Amino acid sequence: MKNISEKELELLNHLWNLKEGFLKEIIDCYEVNKPAYTTVSTMLNRLIAKDIVGFKTYGRDKKYYPLVKKQTYFKRQFNQTMNRFFNNSPSQFASFFTKESDLTLEQLEELRSLVDNEIIKRKK
């Protein structure tokens, strides 16, 4: 899967929420600073070329849909980040994440609880 820009990711998030949609429906998802039809059309064509978005043709219109699930995309992005910045080391990632972020004590405890619960599930 090829990397996508921030604007393409924003468009893809709208498409994940819609599940599928025509160009106008996708543009309507933008609350402020709605991009031009040509801009969204260009981004959709780029995502199609990257095999991230597909479409069905209805006469002269196209209905777009994501080819990649949101969870699959984010899992891939996370794994790339782990590999690229933390030598594929979960402990290096956790150390950086807990020491260099501005998480509150409550947030850290919530994360610990999530990890502890996952450990319990996997041991069963």
N, C-alpha and C. Protein backbone atom coordinates (compact mmCIF):
# COMPACT_ATOMS: atom_id res chain seq x y z
N MET A 1 0.85 -1.17 0.00
CA MET A 1 0.00 0.00 0.00
C MET A 1 0.89 1.24 0.00
N LYS A 2 0.59 2.17 -0.87
CA LYS A 2 1.41 3.37 -0.98
C LYS A 2 0.99 4.40 0.05
N ASN A 3 1.93 5.28 0.39
CA ASN A 3 1.64 6.35 1.34
C ASN A 3 0.71 7.37 0.71
N ILE A 4 -0.05 8.04 1.57
CA ILE A 4 -0.97 9.06 1.09
C ILE A 4 -0.73 10.35 1.85
N SER A 5 -1.13 11.47 1.25
CA SER A 5 -0.95 12.78 1.86
C SER A 5 -2.00 13.01 2.95
N GLU A 6 -1.80 14.06 3.73
CA GLU A 6 -2.76 14.41 4.78
C GLU A 6 -4.14 14.72 4.19
N LYS A 7 -4.17 15.42 3.08
CA LYS A 7 -5.45 15.76 2.43
C LYS A 7 -6.13 14.51 1.89
N GLU A 8 -5.35 13.59 1.35
CA GLU A 8 -5.92 12.33 0.87
C GLU A 8 -6.47 11.52 2.03
N LEU A 9 -5.76 11.55 3.16
CA LEU A 9 -6.25 10.84 4.35
C LEU A 9 -7.54 11.46 4.86
N GLU A 10 -7.62 12.78 4.83
CA GLU A 10 -8.87 13.45 5.24
C GLU A 10 -10.03 13.01 4.35
N LEU A 11 -9.80 12.98 3.05
CA LEU A 11 -10.83 12.52 2.11
C LEU A 11 -11.19 11.07 2.38
N LEU A 12 -10.18 10.24 2.61
CA LEU A 12 -10.42 8.83 2.87
C LEU A 12 -11.22 8.63 4.15
N ASN A 13 -10.96 9.44 5.17
CA ASN A 13 -11.75 9.37 6.40
C ASN A 13 -13.22 9.66 6.12
N HIS A 14 -13.49 10.65 5.26
CA HIS A 14 -14.88 10.93 4.88
C HIS A 14 -15.49 9.73 4.16
N LEU A 15 -14.71 9.12 3.30
CA LEU A 15 -15.21 7.97 2.54
C LEU A 15 -15.43 6.75 3.46
N TRP A 16 -14.55 6.55 4.44
CA TRP A 16 -14.77 5.47 5.41
C TRP A 16 -16.08 5.70 6.17
N ASN A 17 -16.34 6.96 6.52
CA ASN A 17 -17.58 7.27 7.25
C ASN A 17 -18.81 7.05 6.37
N LEU A 18 -18.70 7.43 5.11
CA LEU A 18 -19.83 7.26 4.19
C LEU A 18 -20.02 5.80 3.76
N LYS A 19 -18.96 5.05 3.74
CA LYS A 19 -18.89 3.68 3.19
C LYS A 19 -18.79 3.70 1.67
N GLU A 20 -19.57 4.56 1.03
CA GLU A 20 -19.47 4.80 -0.42
C GLU A 20 -20.19 6.10 -0.71
N GLY A 21 -19.80 6.77 -1.78
CA GLY A 21 -20.47 8.02 -2.09
C GLY A 21 -20.06 8.60 -3.42
N PHE A 22 -20.99 9.40 -3.95
CA PHE A 22 -20.72 10.16 -5.16
C PHE A 22 -19.87 11.38 -4.79
N LEU A 23 -19.25 12.00 -5.77
CA LEU A 23 -18.37 13.14 -5.55
C LEU A 23 -19.04 14.22 -4.69
N LYS A 24 -20.27 14.58 -5.00
CA LYS A 24 -20.97 15.61 -4.25
C LYS A 24 -21.17 15.21 -2.80
N GLU A 25 -21.49 13.95 -2.55
CA GLU A 25 -21.69 13.47 -1.18
C GLU A 25 -20.38 13.55 -0.38
N ILE A 26 -19.28 13.26 -1.04
CA ILE A 26 -17.98 13.33 -0.37
C ILE A 26 -17.65 14.78 -0.03
N ILE A 27 -17.86 15.67 -0.98
CA ILE A 27 -17.58 17.09 -0.74
C ILE A 27 -18.46 17.63 0.37
N ASP A 28 -19.70 17.19 0.44
CA ASP A 28 -20.63 17.64 1.49
C ASP A 28 -20.15 17.25 2.89
N CYS A 29 -19.26 16.28 2.99
CA CYS A 29 -18.73 15.86 4.29
C CYS A 29 -17.78 16.90 4.89
N TYR A 30 -17.20 17.74 4.06
CA TYR A 30 -16.30 18.77 4.55
C TYR A 30 -17.14 19.88 5.18
N GLU A 31 -16.87 20.16 6.46
CA GLU A 31 -17.68 21.14 7.18
C GLU A 31 -17.25 22.57 6.87
N VAL A 32 -15.96 22.81 6.80
CA VAL A 32 -15.44 24.14 6.48
C VAL A 32 -14.45 24.01 5.34
N ASN A 33 -14.28 25.12 4.63
CA ASN A 33 -13.33 25.16 3.51
C ASN A 33 -13.52 23.98 2.56
N LYS A 34 -14.74 23.85 2.05
CA LYS A 34 -15.02 22.76 1.11
C LYS A 34 -14.11 22.90 -0.11
N PRO A 35 -13.40 21.85 -0.45
CA PRO A 35 -12.53 21.90 -1.62
C PRO A 35 -13.34 21.90 -2.92
N ALA A 36 -12.71 22.33 -3.97
CA ALA A 36 -13.36 22.35 -5.29
C ALA A 36 -13.57 20.92 -5.78
N TYR A 37 -14.58 20.76 -6.61
CA TYR A 37 -14.86 19.44 -7.20
C TYR A 37 -13.62 18.88 -7.89
N THR A 38 -12.91 19.74 -8.61
CA THR A 38 -11.74 19.26 -9.35
C THR A 38 -10.65 18.78 -8.40
N THR A 39 -10.51 19.44 -7.25
CA THR A 39 -9.51 19.04 -6.27
C THR A 39 -9.84 17.66 -5.70
N VAL A 40 -11.08 17.47 -5.31
CA VAL A 40 -11.50 16.18 -4.75
C VAL A 40 -11.41 15.10 -5.82
N SER A 41 -11.80 15.43 -7.03
CA SER A 41 -11.73 14.47 -8.14
C SER A 41 -10.28 14.04 -8.38
N THR A 42 -9.36 14.98 -8.33
CA THR A 42 -7.94 14.67 -8.52
C THR A 42 -7.44 13.76 -7.40
N MET A 43 -7.81 14.09 -6.15
CA MET A 43 -7.37 13.25 -5.02
C MET A 43 -7.96 11.84 -5.14
N LEU A 44 -9.22 11.74 -5.55
CA LEU A 44 -9.84 10.42 -5.72
C LEU A 44 -9.10 9.63 -6.79
N ASN A 45 -8.74 10.28 -7.88
CA ASN A 45 -8.00 9.60 -8.94
C ASN A 45 -6.63 9.12 -8.45
N ARG A 46 -5.98 9.91 -7.58
CA ARG A 46 -4.70 9.48 -7.01
C ARG A 46 -4.90 8.25 -6.11
N LEU A 47 -5.97 8.28 -5.31
CA LEU A 47 -6.25 7.15 -4.42
C LEU A 47 -6.64 5.90 -5.21
N ILE A 48 -7.29 6.09 -6.33
CA ILE A 48 -7.61 4.96 -7.21
C ILE A 48 -6.32 4.37 -7.78
N ALA A 49 -5.40 5.23 -8.22
CA ALA A 49 -4.12 4.78 -8.77
C ALA A 49 -3.29 4.04 -7.71
N LYS A 50 -3.49 4.39 -6.45
CA LYS A 50 -2.76 3.74 -5.35
C LYS A 50 -3.50 2.50 -4.83
N ASP A 51 -4.59 2.13 -5.49
CA ASP A 51 -5.41 0.96 -5.11
C ASP A 51 -5.95 1.08 -3.68
N ILE A 52 -6.34 2.29 -3.30
CA ILE A 52 -6.92 2.53 -1.99
C ILE A 52 -8.42 2.81 -2.10
N VAL A 53 -8.83 3.33 -3.25
CA VAL A 53 -10.24 3.64 -3.52
C VAL A 53 -10.64 2.98 -4.83
N GLY A 54 -11.87 2.49 -4.86
CA GLY A 54 -12.45 1.95 -6.08
C GLY A 54 -13.70 2.73 -6.43
N PHE A 55 -14.32 2.39 -7.55
CA PHE A 55 -15.55 3.09 -7.94
C PHE A 55 -16.41 2.19 -8.81
N LYS A 56 -17.71 2.52 -8.81
CA LYS A 56 -18.67 1.92 -9.73
C LYS A 56 -19.20 3.05 -10.59
N THR A 57 -19.41 2.76 -11.87
CA THR A 57 -19.90 3.78 -12.78
C THR A 57 -21.41 3.67 -12.93
N TYR A 58 -22.08 4.80 -12.80
CA TYR A 58 -23.52 4.92 -12.99
C TYR A 58 -23.74 6.00 -14.04
N GLY A 59 -23.83 5.61 -15.30
CA GLY A 59 -23.94 6.60 -16.37
C GLY A 59 -22.65 7.40 -16.43
N ARG A 60 -22.79 8.72 -16.23
CA ARG A 60 -21.61 9.59 -16.24
C ARG A 60 -21.04 9.81 -14.83
N ASP A 61 -21.72 9.31 -13.83
CA ASP A 61 -21.28 9.50 -12.44
C ASP A 61 -20.53 8.27 -11.94
N LYS A 62 -19.71 8.51 -10.93
CA LYS A 62 -18.98 7.42 -10.27
C LYS A 62 -19.32 7.44 -8.78
N LYS A 63 -19.51 6.26 -8.26
CA LYS A 63 -19.72 6.11 -6.82
C LYS A 63 -18.45 5.48 -6.27
N TYR A 64 -17.81 6.20 -5.35
CA TYR A 64 -16.51 5.80 -4.82
C TYR A 64 -16.67 5.03 -3.51
N TYR A 65 -15.74 4.12 -3.26
CA TYR A 65 -15.75 3.35 -2.02
C TYR A 65 -14.30 2.97 -1.67
N PRO A 66 -14.03 2.84 -0.37
CA PRO A 66 -12.67 2.47 0.03
C PRO A 66 -12.39 1.00 -0.26
N LEU A 67 -11.20 0.72 -0.73
CA LEU A 67 -10.77 -0.66 -0.95
C LEU A 67 -10.01 -1.20 0.27
N VAL A 68 -9.63 -0.30 1.16
CA VAL A 68 -8.85 -0.64 2.34
C VAL A 68 -9.66 -0.27 3.57
N LYS A 69 -9.74 -1.19 4.52
CA LYS A 69 -10.44 -0.90 5.77
C LYS A 69 -9.61 0.06 6.60
N LYS A 70 -10.29 0.91 7.37
CA LYS A 70 -9.61 1.89 8.20
C LYS A 70 -8.63 1.22 9.15
N GLN A 71 -9.05 0.16 9.81
CA GLN A 71 -8.19 -0.53 10.77
C GLN A 71 -6.95 -1.09 10.08
N THR A 72 -7.11 -1.64 8.89
CA THR A 72 -5.99 -2.19 8.14
C THR A 72 -4.99 -1.10 7.79
N TYR A 73 -5.51 0.05 7.34
CA TYR A 73 -4.64 1.17 6.97
C TYR A 73 -3.84 1.65 8.19
N PHE A 74 -4.52 1.86 9.32
CA PHE A 74 -3.84 2.39 10.50
C PHE A 74 -2.87 1.38 11.10
N LYS A 75 -3.19 0.10 11.02
CA LYS A 75 -2.27 -0.93 11.50
C LYS A 75 -0.98 -0.88 10.68
N ARG A 76 -1.13 -0.74 9.39
CA ARG A 76 0.04 -0.68 8.51
C ARG A 76 0.88 0.56 8.83
N GLN A 77 0.21 1.69 9.01
CA GLN A 77 0.92 2.94 9.32
C GLN A 77 1.65 2.82 10.65
N PHE A 78 0.98 2.24 11.64
CA PHE A 78 1.61 2.07 12.95
C PHE A 78 2.84 1.17 12.85
N ASN A 79 2.71 0.06 12.14
CA ASN A 79 3.83 -0.87 11.98
C ASN A 79 5.00 -0.21 11.27
N GLN A 80 4.72 0.63 10.27
CA GLN A 80 5.78 1.35 9.58
C GLN A 80 6.48 2.32 10.53
N THR A 81 5.70 3.00 11.36
CA THR A 81 6.26 3.94 12.33
C THR A 81 7.15 3.20 13.34
N MET A 82 6.65 2.07 13.84
CA MET A 82 7.43 1.27 14.79
C MET A 82 8.76 0.85 14.16
N ASN A 83 8.71 0.40 12.93
CA ASN A 83 9.90 -0.07 12.25
C ASN A 83 10.85 1.09 11.95
N ARG A 84 10.30 2.17 11.45
CA ARG A 84 11.12 3.29 10.99
C ARG A 84 11.77 4.07 12.13
N PHE A 85 11.02 4.33 13.19
CA PHE A 85 11.52 5.20 14.25
C PHE A 85 11.98 4.47 15.51
N PHE A 86 11.53 3.25 15.70
CA PHE A 86 11.82 2.55 16.95
C PHE A 86 12.45 1.18 16.72
N ASN A 87 13.08 0.99 15.57
CA ASN A 87 13.78 -0.26 15.25
C ASN A 87 12.90 -1.48 15.50
N ASN A 88 11.63 -1.34 15.23
CA ASN A 88 10.66 -2.41 15.41
C ASN A 88 10.63 -2.95 16.84
N SER A 89 10.89 -2.03 17.79
CA SER A 89 10.95 -2.41 19.20
C SER A 89 9.77 -1.80 19.97
N PRO A 90 8.82 -2.64 20.38
CA PRO A 90 7.70 -2.12 21.17
C PRO A 90 8.14 -1.43 22.46
N SER A 91 9.21 -1.93 23.08
CA SER A 91 9.66 -1.31 24.33
C SER A 91 10.25 0.08 24.08
N GLN A 92 10.97 0.27 22.97
CA GLN A 92 11.47 1.61 22.62
C GLN A 92 10.30 2.55 22.35
N PHE A 93 9.30 2.04 21.66
CA PHE A 93 8.11 2.85 21.38
C PHE A 93 7.43 3.24 22.69
N ALA A 94 7.19 2.26 23.58
CA ALA A 94 6.50 2.52 24.84
C ALA A 94 7.29 3.50 25.70
N SER A 95 8.60 3.36 25.72
CA SER A 95 9.44 4.26 26.49
C SER A 95 9.31 5.69 25.97
N PHE A 96 9.41 5.86 24.67
CA PHE A 96 9.26 7.18 24.08
C PHE A 96 7.87 7.74 24.33
N PHE A 97 6.88 6.92 24.09
CA PHE A 97 5.48 7.34 24.20
C PHE A 97 5.14 7.80 25.62
N THR A 98 5.63 7.07 26.61
CA THR A 98 5.28 7.41 27.99
C THR A 98 6.12 8.56 28.55
N LYS A 99 7.37 8.67 28.11
CA LYS A 99 8.24 9.72 28.65
C LYS A 99 8.16 11.03 27.88
N GLU A 100 7.95 10.96 26.58
CA GLU A 100 8.02 12.17 25.76
C GLU A 100 6.66 12.78 25.44
N SER A 101 5.59 12.10 25.79
CA SER A 101 4.26 12.66 25.54
C SER A 101 3.78 13.38 26.79
N ASP A 102 2.75 14.15 26.65
CA ASP A 102 2.20 14.91 27.77
C ASP A 102 0.99 14.21 28.36
N LEU A 103 1.06 12.89 28.49
CA LEU A 103 -0.05 12.14 29.04
C LEU A 103 -0.20 12.41 30.54
N THR A 104 -1.44 12.48 30.98
CA THR A 104 -1.70 12.64 32.40
C THR A 104 -1.55 11.29 33.10
N LEU A 105 -1.51 11.33 34.41
CA LEU A 105 -1.44 10.10 35.19
C LEU A 105 -2.64 9.21 34.89
N GLU A 106 -3.82 9.82 34.78
CA GLU A 106 -5.04 9.04 34.48
C GLU A 106 -4.92 8.35 33.11
N GLN A 107 -4.38 9.06 32.14
CA GLN A 107 -4.23 8.47 30.81
C GLN A 107 -3.22 7.32 30.82
N LEU A 108 -2.14 7.50 31.56
CA LEU A 108 -1.16 6.41 31.67
C LEU A 108 -1.76 5.20 32.37
N GLU A 109 -2.55 5.43 33.41
CA GLU A 109 -3.21 4.32 34.10
C GLU A 109 -4.22 3.63 33.20
N GLU A 110 -4.91 4.39 32.38
CA GLU A 110 -5.85 3.80 31.42
C GLU A 110 -5.11 2.92 30.42
N LEU A 111 -3.97 3.41 29.92
CA LEU A 111 -3.16 2.61 29.00
C LEU A 111 -2.67 1.33 29.66
N ARG A 112 -2.22 1.43 30.91
CA ARG A 112 -1.77 0.25 31.63
C ARG A 112 -2.90 -0.76 31.77
N SER A 113 -4.09 -0.26 32.06
CA SER A 113 -5.25 -1.13 32.19
C SER A 113 -5.55 -1.84 30.87
N LEU A 114 -5.47 -1.11 29.76
CA LEU A 114 -5.69 -1.72 28.45
C LEU A 114 -4.67 -2.82 28.17
N VAL A 115 -3.42 -2.55 28.47
CA VAL A 115 -2.36 -3.54 28.24
C VAL A 115 -2.57 -4.74 29.15
N ASP A 116 -2.85 -4.48 30.42
CA ASP A 116 -3.08 -5.58 31.37
C ASP A 116 -4.25 -6.46 30.93
N ASN A 117 -5.33 -5.86 30.47
CA ASN A 117 -6.49 -6.63 30.01
C ASN A 117 -6.15 -7.46 28.77
N GLU A 118 -5.35 -6.91 27.88
CA GLU A 118 -4.95 -7.66 26.68
C GLU A 118 -4.06 -8.84 27.06
N ILE A 119 -3.19 -8.65 28.02
CA ILE A 119 -2.32 -9.75 28.50
C ILE A 119 -3.17 -10.87 29.07
N ILE A 120 -4.17 -10.51 29.88
CA ILE A 120 -5.06 -11.51 30.48
C ILE A 120 -5.80 -12.28 29.38
N LYS A 121 -6.33 -11.56 28.38
CA LYS A 121 -7.04 -12.22 27.26
C LYS A 121 -6.14 -13.20 26.53
N ARG A 122 -4.90 -12.81 26.28
CA ARG A 122 -4.01 -13.66 25.49
C ARG A 122 -3.51 -14.87 26.27
N LYS A 123 -3.51 -14.79 27.57
CA LYS A 123 -3.06 -15.91 28.39
C LYS A 123 -4.12 -16.99 28.48
N LYS A 124 -5.36 -16.66 28.20
CA LYS A 124 -6.45 -17.64 28.29
C LYS A 124 -6.40 -18.65 27.18
